[in-house]
Structure formats: structure tokens, C-alpha cells
Amino acid sequence: MKTIIFWAFFEQAGGSLSLFARYNLDHKVLGLTMDPNEINNSSNSLFVICLSPLIGLLWLWLSKRKIEPNTVIKFGLGFLFVSLSFYVFYYTRFFANVAGITSLNVFTLAYLVITFGELCLSPIGLSLMTKLAPQPLHGMMMGLWFLASAYGQYAAGIFGADMSTSNPKAPLMEKLIAYTDGYKQLAIYALIAGVLLIVISPLLRKLMHEVH
């Protein structure tokens, strides 16, 4: 269930964030002129490539010192990073001009933050499925993991549709307010999910027979 919820937040990239990038962002990132949807479609992948070795080394460094957080805590941290990223998406409204166009730099920063959340959950979750599942059921459980991702993307579409204005010809400022209000709500939901996972992590670890 937590996987479905996570991807419902994360997969706004293919829906509401794509429309937000199309209509409400300027074309400058770090002084370079770029199509905002190029950033929307590629920045996460670039950040994953750059950051995944560093995050992996961080877990190894913490493990050697016996202070590595367990898997459930990492999942909780993933939600907290997602929450922070959607707060950053929300705060793009404070960088908007009177026409409703806001900063591509701030938008890109939010993608950097959400990538940390993905790296705290996605690769770790795949590993956990193989550890917890009985040997004959490895294939089926991996299939269920990806099925959960599919349901999450379906839920992401519902969330994104709820953010959009009913009037397709609405002013850009109205679109900006509608989407950023929605991102603030997602930030709150992700924050609640992250805190809840961290609080109940001792119970979940017992149910997982202390599997890390």
C-alpha cells in the first residue's frame, strides 16, 4: 500500500507537473535556455545517475558504523523527501510574475529533492521484496511490486485531474494557484505518511522478522 501511495505522489511528472511546466515556467535554468518539459522529463533521470552511487556509499558508510537506518525508516525518509519536494513545487508560486510564469530553477530544485526520496524507496523496496518473499514466489512478488507502481500511476492521474481547473482557457495565474495548491496538499499527505512509517517502524520490523 505504501508503494502505491508513494508512486501516486511521485508520478505527477507525467501529468500535472508536465502541464505546469508547459504553461507556468520560464525557460531559464542556471542561465541556460531550455524547454521546461525537457527538465520535467529528464532531470530526475540525470539526478538518479549522479546521486545513486553517492547514496549507496552513504548507506555503506552508515552500515560500517552500525548506524544505518532500517528499511522502514528509509521508506519513511523517502516520503519526507517527497513531502519537501512538493513544498518546493508549491513555493514556486512565490517566484511568479504577474502573468503567472514562475522559476524553472526552483522547479528543478524540487526535482533534485524528490530524487532523494526515490532513492530511499525504489531500489531498497526491490531488494526487500526478494528478501521477504519465499523462494518459489520471488517472481510473483516482483510482479506485485510493479503492479503497485501501476496502481500508483493511476492514482497519480486522479490526483492530477483534481488539481486542474475546469476551464481550459483559465488565466495562467489561476492555473498556477490551482496546481500549487494541489502540490501543497500532496506535501501534507506525504509528510503524514513519512512520519507514520517512522513511528510504526519498530512494529513493522517485528512483522518483517528483523529483515533489513
C-alpha atoms as a PDB file:
ATOM      1  CA  MET A   1       0.000   0.000   0.000  1.00  0.00           C
ATOM      2  CA  LYS A   2       2.785   2.427   0.880  1.00  0.00           C
ATOM      3  CA  THR A   3       4.295   1.810  -2.562  1.00  0.00           C
ATOM      4  CA  ILE A   4       1.043   2.763  -4.300  1.00  0.00           C
ATOM      5  CA  ILE A   5       0.824   5.940  -2.227  1.00  0.00           C
ATOM      6  CA  PHE A   6       4.444   6.840  -2.934  1.00  0.00           C
ATOM      7  CA  TRP A   7       4.100   6.476  -6.707  1.00  0.00           C
ATOM      8  CA  ALA A   8       0.788   8.338  -6.657  1.00  0.00           C
ATOM      9  CA  PHE A   9       2.768  11.331  -5.427  1.00  0.00           C
ATOM     10  CA  PHE A  10       5.939  10.769  -7.399  1.00  0.00           C
ATOM     11  CA  GLU A  11       4.337  10.154 -10.794  1.00  0.00           C
ATOM     12  CA  GLN A  12       2.885  13.643 -11.090  1.00  0.00           C
ATOM     13  CA  ALA A  13       5.766  14.108 -13.532  1.00  0.00           C
ATOM     14  CA  GLY A  14       3.733  12.586 -16.359  1.00  0.00           C
ATOM     15  CA  GLY A  15       0.612  14.593 -15.624  1.00  0.00           C
ATOM     16  CA  SER A  16       0.169  17.734 -13.565  1.00  0.00           C
ATOM     17  CA  LEU A  17       3.865  18.630 -13.485  1.00  0.00           C
ATOM     18  CA  SER A  18       4.061  18.282 -17.254  1.00  0.00           C
ATOM     19  CA  LEU A  19       1.181  20.733 -17.699  1.00  0.00           C
ATOM     20  CA  PHE A  20       2.624  23.007 -15.036  1.00  0.00           C
ATOM     21  CA  ALA A  21       5.952  23.011 -16.884  1.00  0.00           C
ATOM     22  CA  ARG A  22       4.245  23.734 -20.195  1.00  0.00           C
ATOM     23  CA  TYR A  23       2.197  26.695 -19.057  1.00  0.00           C
ATOM     24  CA  ASN A  24       3.709  28.194 -15.917  1.00  0.00           C
ATOM     25  CA  LEU A  25       7.501  28.046 -16.126  1.00  0.00           C
ATOM     26  CA  ASP A  26      10.056  30.326 -17.683  1.00  0.00           C
ATOM     27  CA  HIS A  27      12.771  28.909 -19.958  1.00  0.00           C
ATOM     28  CA  LYS A  28      15.898  29.665 -17.941  1.00  0.00           C
ATOM     29  CA  VAL A  29      17.745  27.193 -15.704  1.00  0.00           C
ATOM     30  CA  LEU A  30      21.155  28.220 -14.347  1.00  0.00           C
ATOM     31  CA  GLY A  31      21.308  30.870 -17.049  1.00  0.00           C
ATOM     32  CA  LEU A  32      20.670  28.389 -19.888  1.00  0.00           C
ATOM     33  CA  THR A  33      17.619  28.481 -22.130  1.00  0.00           C
ATOM     34  CA  MET A  34      15.742  25.172 -22.028  1.00  0.00           C
ATOM     35  CA  ASP A  35      12.259  23.860 -22.649  1.00  0.00           C
ATOM     36  CA  PRO A  36      10.708  23.362 -19.176  1.00  0.00           C
ATOM     37  CA  ASN A  37       9.364  19.947 -20.163  1.00  0.00           C
ATOM     38  CA  GLU A  38      12.877  18.827 -21.063  1.00  0.00           C
ATOM     39  CA  ILE A  39      13.701  19.489 -17.423  1.00  0.00           C
ATOM     40  CA  ASN A  40      10.491  17.789 -16.312  1.00  0.00           C
ATOM     41  CA  ASN A  41      11.240  14.686 -18.376  1.00  0.00           C
ATOM     42  CA  SER A  42      14.987  14.335 -17.889  1.00  0.00           C
ATOM     43  CA  SER A  43      16.151  15.951 -14.648  1.00  0.00           C
ATOM     44  CA  ASN A  44      15.052  13.075 -12.420  1.00  0.00           C
ATOM     45  CA  SER A  45      16.934  10.538 -14.558  1.00  0.00           C
ATOM     46  CA  LEU A  46      20.049  12.719 -14.545  1.00  0.00           C
ATOM     47  CA  PHE A  47      19.879  13.156 -10.780  1.00  0.00           C
ATOM     48  CA  VAL A  48      19.397   9.405 -10.263  1.00  0.00           C
ATOM     49  CA  ILE A  49      22.518   8.660 -12.315  1.00  0.00           C
ATOM     50  CA  CYS A  50      24.557  11.235 -10.402  1.00  0.00           C
ATOM     51  CA  LEU A  51      23.250  10.578  -6.904  1.00  0.00           C
ATOM     52  CA  SER A  52      22.668   6.820  -6.706  1.00  0.00           C
ATOM     53  CA  PRO A  53      26.393   5.972  -6.245  1.00  0.00           C
ATOM     54  CA  LEU A  54      26.655   8.617  -3.518  1.00  0.00           C
ATOM     55  CA  ILE A  55      23.558   7.354  -1.696  1.00  0.00           C
ATOM     56  CA  GLY A  56      24.840   3.786  -1.953  1.00  0.00           C
ATOM     57  CA  LEU A  57      28.172   4.843  -0.439  1.00  0.00           C
ATOM     58  CA  LEU A  58      26.327   6.695   2.303  1.00  0.00           C
ATOM     59  CA  TRP A  59      24.395   3.550   3.310  1.00  0.00           C
ATOM     60  CA  LEU A  60      27.662   1.561   3.335  1.00  0.00           C
ATOM     61  CA  TRP A  61      29.374   4.221   5.450  1.00  0.00           C
ATOM     62  CA  LEU A  62      26.495   4.221   7.941  1.00  0.00           C
ATOM     63  CA  SER A  63      26.383   0.415   7.971  1.00  0.00           C
ATOM     64  CA  LYS A  64      30.064   0.150   8.903  1.00  0.00           C
ATOM     65  CA  ARG A  65      29.370   2.397  11.877  1.00  0.00           C
ATOM     66  CA  LYS A  66      26.231   0.389  12.727  1.00  0.00           C
ATOM     67  CA  ILE A  67      24.001   3.435  12.410  1.00  0.00           C
ATOM     68  CA  GLU A  68      22.365   2.660   9.064  1.00  0.00           C
ATOM     69  CA  PRO A  69      18.580   3.205   9.296  1.00  0.00           C
ATOM     70  CA  ASN A  70      16.455   0.124   8.700  1.00  0.00           C
ATOM     71  CA  THR A  71      14.360  -0.316   5.571  1.00  0.00           C
ATOM     72  CA  VAL A  72      11.142   1.027   7.051  1.00  0.00           C
ATOM     73  CA  ILE A  73      12.920   4.167   8.261  1.00  0.00           C
ATOM     74  CA  LYS A  74      14.354   4.612   4.761  1.00  0.00           C
ATOM     75  CA  PHE A  75      10.842   4.337   3.333  1.00  0.00           C
ATOM     76  CA  GLY A  76       9.717   6.982   5.810  1.00  0.00           C
ATOM     77  CA  LEU A  77      12.615   9.213   4.775  1.00  0.00           C
ATOM     78  CA  GLY A  78      11.582   8.710   1.157  1.00  0.00           C
ATOM     79  CA  PHE A  79       8.142  10.108   1.925  1.00  0.00           C
ATOM     80  CA  LEU A  80       9.650  13.015   3.854  1.00  0.00           C
ATOM     81  CA  PHE A  81      11.833  13.955   0.873  1.00  0.00           C
ATOM     82  CA  VAL A  82       8.788  13.733  -1.390  1.00  0.00           C
ATOM     83  CA  SER A  83       6.903  15.972   1.027  1.00  0.00           C
ATOM     84  CA  LEU A  84       9.736  18.502   0.985  1.00  0.00           C
ATOM     85  CA  SER A  85       9.881  18.428  -2.815  1.00  0.00           C
ATOM     86  CA  PHE A  86       6.183  19.197  -3.149  1.00  0.00           C
ATOM     87  CA  TYR A  87       6.566  22.054  -0.702  1.00  0.00           C
ATOM     88  CA  VAL A  88       9.234  23.378  -3.087  1.00  0.00           C
ATOM     89  CA  PHE A  89       6.854  22.917  -6.033  1.00  0.00           C
ATOM     90  CA  TYR A  90       4.269  24.822  -4.001  1.00  0.00           C
ATOM     91  CA  TYR A  91       6.706  27.640  -3.246  1.00  0.00           C
ATOM     92  CA  THR A  92       7.261  28.264  -6.948  1.00  0.00           C
ATOM     93  CA  ARG A  93       4.141  30.452  -6.703  1.00  0.00           C
ATOM     94  CA  PHE A  94       6.150  32.989  -4.704  1.00  0.00           C
ATOM     95  CA  PHE A  95       8.589  33.399  -7.600  1.00  0.00           C
ATOM     96  CA  ALA A  96       5.878  34.039 -10.208  1.00  0.00           C
ATOM     97  CA  ASN A  97       5.454  37.235 -12.153  1.00  0.00           C
ATOM     98  CA  VAL A  98       2.095  38.925 -12.709  1.00  0.00           C
ATOM     99  CA  ALA A  99       1.472  36.755 -15.772  1.00  0.00           C
ATOM    100  CA  GLY A 100       1.676  33.531 -13.734  1.00  0.00           C
ATOM    101  CA  ILE A 101       5.108  32.447 -15.022  1.00  0.00           C
ATOM    102  CA  THR A 102       7.479  31.172 -12.348  1.00  0.00           C
ATOM    103  CA  SER A 103      11.051  29.950 -11.893  1.00  0.00           C
ATOM    104  CA  LEU A 104      12.396  26.917 -13.715  1.00  0.00           C
ATOM    105  CA  ASN A 105      15.349  26.944 -11.288  1.00  0.00           C
ATOM    106  CA  VAL A 106      13.075  26.364  -8.277  1.00  0.00           C
ATOM    107  CA  PHE A 107      11.169  23.691 -10.207  1.00  0.00           C
ATOM    108  CA  THR A 108      14.463  21.891 -10.944  1.00  0.00           C
ATOM    109  CA  LEU A 109      15.467  22.102  -7.282  1.00  0.00           C
ATOM    110  CA  ALA A 110      12.234  20.327  -6.372  1.00  0.00           C
ATOM    111  CA  TYR A 111      13.192  17.503  -8.740  1.00  0.00           C
ATOM    112  CA  LEU A 112      16.554  17.204  -7.027  1.00  0.00           C
ATOM    113  CA  VAL A 113      14.811  16.799  -3.677  1.00  0.00           C
ATOM    114  CA  ILE A 114      12.256  14.274  -4.958  1.00  0.00           C
ATOM    115  CA  THR A 115      15.087  12.171  -6.409  1.00  0.00           C
ATOM    116  CA  PHE A 116      16.465  11.677  -2.898  1.00  0.00           C
ATOM    117  CA  GLY A 117      13.034  10.346  -1.944  1.00  0.00           C
ATOM    118  CA  GLU A 118      13.004   7.929  -4.856  1.00  0.00           C
ATOM    119  CA  LEU A 119      16.475   6.635  -3.972  1.00  0.00           C
ATOM    120  CA  CYS A 120      15.347   5.992  -0.390  1.00  0.00           C
ATOM    121  CA  LEU A 121      12.491   3.756  -1.539  1.00  0.00           C
ATOM    122  CA  SER A 122      12.607   2.331  -5.037  1.00  0.00           C
ATOM    123  CA  PRO A 123      15.878   0.306  -5.147  1.00  0.00           C
ATOM    124  CA  ILE A 124      15.548  -0.650  -1.485  1.00  0.00           C
ATOM    125  CA  GLY A 125      11.980  -1.835  -1.999  1.00  0.00           C
ATOM    126  CA  LEU A 126      13.007  -4.075  -4.875  1.00  0.00           C
ATOM    127  CA  SER A 127      15.694  -5.647  -2.714  1.00  0.00           C
ATOM    128  CA  LEU A 128      13.305  -6.087   0.192  1.00  0.00           C
ATOM    129  CA  MET A 129      10.776  -7.959  -1.935  1.00  0.00           C
ATOM    130  CA  THR A 130      13.315 -10.677  -2.706  1.00  0.00           C
ATOM    131  CA  LYS A 131      14.357 -10.916   0.954  1.00  0.00           C
ATOM    132  CA  LEU A 132      10.844 -11.264   2.342  1.00  0.00           C
ATOM    133  CA  ALA A 133       9.248 -13.418  -0.350  1.00  0.00           C
ATOM    134  CA  PRO A 134       9.565 -17.227  -0.184  1.00  0.00           C
ATOM    135  CA  GLN A 135      11.922 -18.541  -2.862  1.00  0.00           C
ATOM    136  CA  PRO A 136       9.174 -20.027  -5.108  1.00  0.00           C
ATOM    137  CA  LEU A 137       7.272 -16.714  -5.043  1.00  0.00           C
ATOM    138  CA  HIS A 138      10.063 -14.301  -5.970  1.00  0.00           C
ATOM    139  CA  GLY A 139       8.754 -13.773  -9.497  1.00  0.00           C
ATOM    140  CA  MET A 140       5.169 -13.220  -8.410  1.00  0.00           C
ATOM    141  CA  MET A 141       6.142 -10.788  -5.651  1.00  0.00           C
ATOM    142  CA  MET A 142       8.271  -8.764  -8.050  1.00  0.00           C
ATOM    143  CA  GLY A 143       5.262  -8.645 -10.349  1.00  0.00           C
ATOM    144  CA  LEU A 144       3.122  -7.360  -7.486  1.00  0.00           C
ATOM    145  CA  TRP A 145       5.722  -4.661  -6.794  1.00  0.00           C
ATOM    146  CA  PHE A 146       5.423  -3.384 -10.355  1.00  0.00           C
ATOM    147  CA  LEU A 147       1.634  -3.776 -10.233  1.00  0.00           C
ATOM    148  CA  ALA A 148       1.654  -1.490  -7.196  1.00  0.00           C
ATOM    149  CA  SER A 149       3.598   1.018  -9.299  1.00  0.00           C
ATOM    150  CA  ALA A 150       0.916   0.805 -11.988  1.00  0.00           C
ATOM    151  CA  TYR A 151      -1.859   1.444  -9.459  1.00  0.00           C
ATOM    152  CA  GLY A 152       0.181   4.352  -8.111  1.00  0.00           C
ATOM    153  CA  GLN A 153       0.369   5.903 -11.568  1.00  0.00           C
ATOM    154  CA  TYR A 154      -3.400   5.507 -11.940  1.00  0.00           C
ATOM    155  CA  ALA A 155      -3.891   7.284  -8.608  1.00  0.00           C
ATOM    156  CA  ALA A 156      -1.422   9.962  -9.739  1.00  0.00           C
ATOM    157  CA  GLY A 157      -3.703  10.697 -12.678  1.00  0.00           C
ATOM    158  CA  ILE A 158      -6.672  11.120 -10.344  1.00  0.00           C
ATOM    159  CA  PHE A 159      -4.720  13.485  -8.078  1.00  0.00           C
ATOM    160  CA  GLY A 160      -3.509  15.465 -11.080  1.00  0.00           C
ATOM    161  CA  ALA A 161      -7.007  15.786 -12.518  1.00  0.00           C
ATOM    162  CA  ASP A 162      -8.253  17.134  -9.187  1.00  0.00           C
ATOM    163  CA  MET A 163      -5.628  19.885  -9.343  1.00  0.00           C
ATOM    164  CA  SER A 164      -6.532  21.152 -12.793  1.00  0.00           C
ATOM    165  CA  THR A 165      -9.009  23.968 -13.349  1.00  0.00           C
ATOM    166  CA  SER A 166     -12.322  23.159 -15.003  1.00  0.00           C
ATOM    167  CA  ASN A 167     -11.769  25.970 -17.506  1.00  0.00           C
ATOM    168  CA  PRO A 168      -9.048  25.086 -20.045  1.00  0.00           C
ATOM    169  CA  LYS A 169      -8.843  28.771 -21.016  1.00  0.00           C
ATOM    170  CA  ALA A 170      -8.255  29.918 -17.443  1.00  0.00           C
ATOM    171  CA  PRO A 171      -5.583  32.607 -16.927  1.00  0.00           C
ATOM    172  CA  LEU A 172      -2.089  31.300 -16.219  1.00  0.00           C
ATOM    173  CA  MET A 173      -2.158  32.748 -12.729  1.00  0.00           C
ATOM    174  CA  GLU A 174      -5.308  30.746 -11.975  1.00  0.00           C
ATOM    175  CA  LYS A 175      -3.605  27.594 -13.268  1.00  0.00           C
ATOM    176  CA  LEU A 176      -0.554  28.359 -11.138  1.00  0.00           C
ATOM    177  CA  ILE A 177      -2.627  28.728  -7.985  1.00  0.00           C
ATOM    178  CA  ALA A 178      -4.644  25.572  -8.703  1.00  0.00           C
ATOM    179  CA  TYR A 179      -1.578  23.388  -9.253  1.00  0.00           C
ATOM    180  CA  THR A 180       0.489  24.764  -6.395  1.00  0.00           C
ATOM    181  CA  ASP A 181      -2.449  24.393  -4.005  1.00  0.00           C
ATOM    182  CA  GLY A 182      -2.586  20.743  -5.078  1.00  0.00           C
ATOM    183  CA  TYR A 183       1.145  20.303  -4.520  1.00  0.00           C
ATOM    184  CA  LYS A 184       0.784  21.696  -1.018  1.00  0.00           C
ATOM    185  CA  GLN A 185      -1.876  19.091  -0.273  1.00  0.00           C
ATOM    186  CA  LEU A 186       0.352  16.302  -1.601  1.00  0.00           C
ATOM    187  CA  ALA A 187       3.190  17.617   0.566  1.00  0.00           C
ATOM    188  CA  ILE A 188       0.979  17.342   3.648  1.00  0.00           C
ATOM    189  CA  TYR A 189      -0.163  13.810   2.770  1.00  0.00           C
ATOM    190  CA  ALA A 190       3.432  12.674   2.124  1.00  0.00           C
ATOM    191  CA  LEU A 191       4.572  14.227   5.404  1.00  0.00           C
ATOM    192  CA  ILE A 192       1.886  12.326   7.327  1.00  0.00           C
ATOM    193  CA  ALA A 193       2.807   9.066   5.574  1.00  0.00           C
ATOM    194  CA  GLY A 194       6.516   9.543   6.286  1.00  0.00           C
ATOM    195  CA  VAL A 195       6.062  10.347   9.961  1.00  0.00           C
ATOM    196  CA  LEU A 196       3.637   7.450  10.390  1.00  0.00           C
ATOM    197  CA  LEU A 197       6.083   4.977   8.827  1.00  0.00           C
ATOM    198  CA  ILE A 198       8.900   6.124  11.082  1.00  0.00           C
ATOM    199  CA  VAL A 199       6.708   5.934  14.194  1.00  0.00           C
ATOM    200  CA  ILE A 200       5.475   2.407  13.489  1.00  0.00           C
ATOM    201  CA  SER A 201       8.829   1.147  12.172  1.00  0.00           C
ATOM    202  CA  PRO A 202       9.558  -0.961  15.309  1.00  0.00           C
ATOM    203  CA  LEU A 203       6.269  -2.841  14.852  1.00  0.00           C
ATOM    204  CA  LEU A 204       6.831  -3.345  11.136  1.00  0.00           C
ATOM    205  CA  ARG A 205      10.346  -4.620  11.742  1.00  0.00           C
ATOM    206  CA  LYS A 206       8.956  -7.294  14.060  1.00  0.00           C
ATOM    207  CA  LEU A 207       6.443  -8.328  11.397  1.00  0.00           C
ATOM    208  CA  MET A 208       9.328  -8.489   8.916  1.00  0.00           C
ATOM    209  CA  HIS A 209      11.303 -10.722  11.339  1.00  0.00           C
ATOM    210  CA  GLU A 210      14.006  -8.050  11.604  1.00  0.00           C
ATOM    211  CA  VAL A 211      14.846  -8.259   7.880  1.00  0.00           C
ATOM    212  CA  HIS A 212      16.761  -5.095   6.902  1.00  0.00           C
END
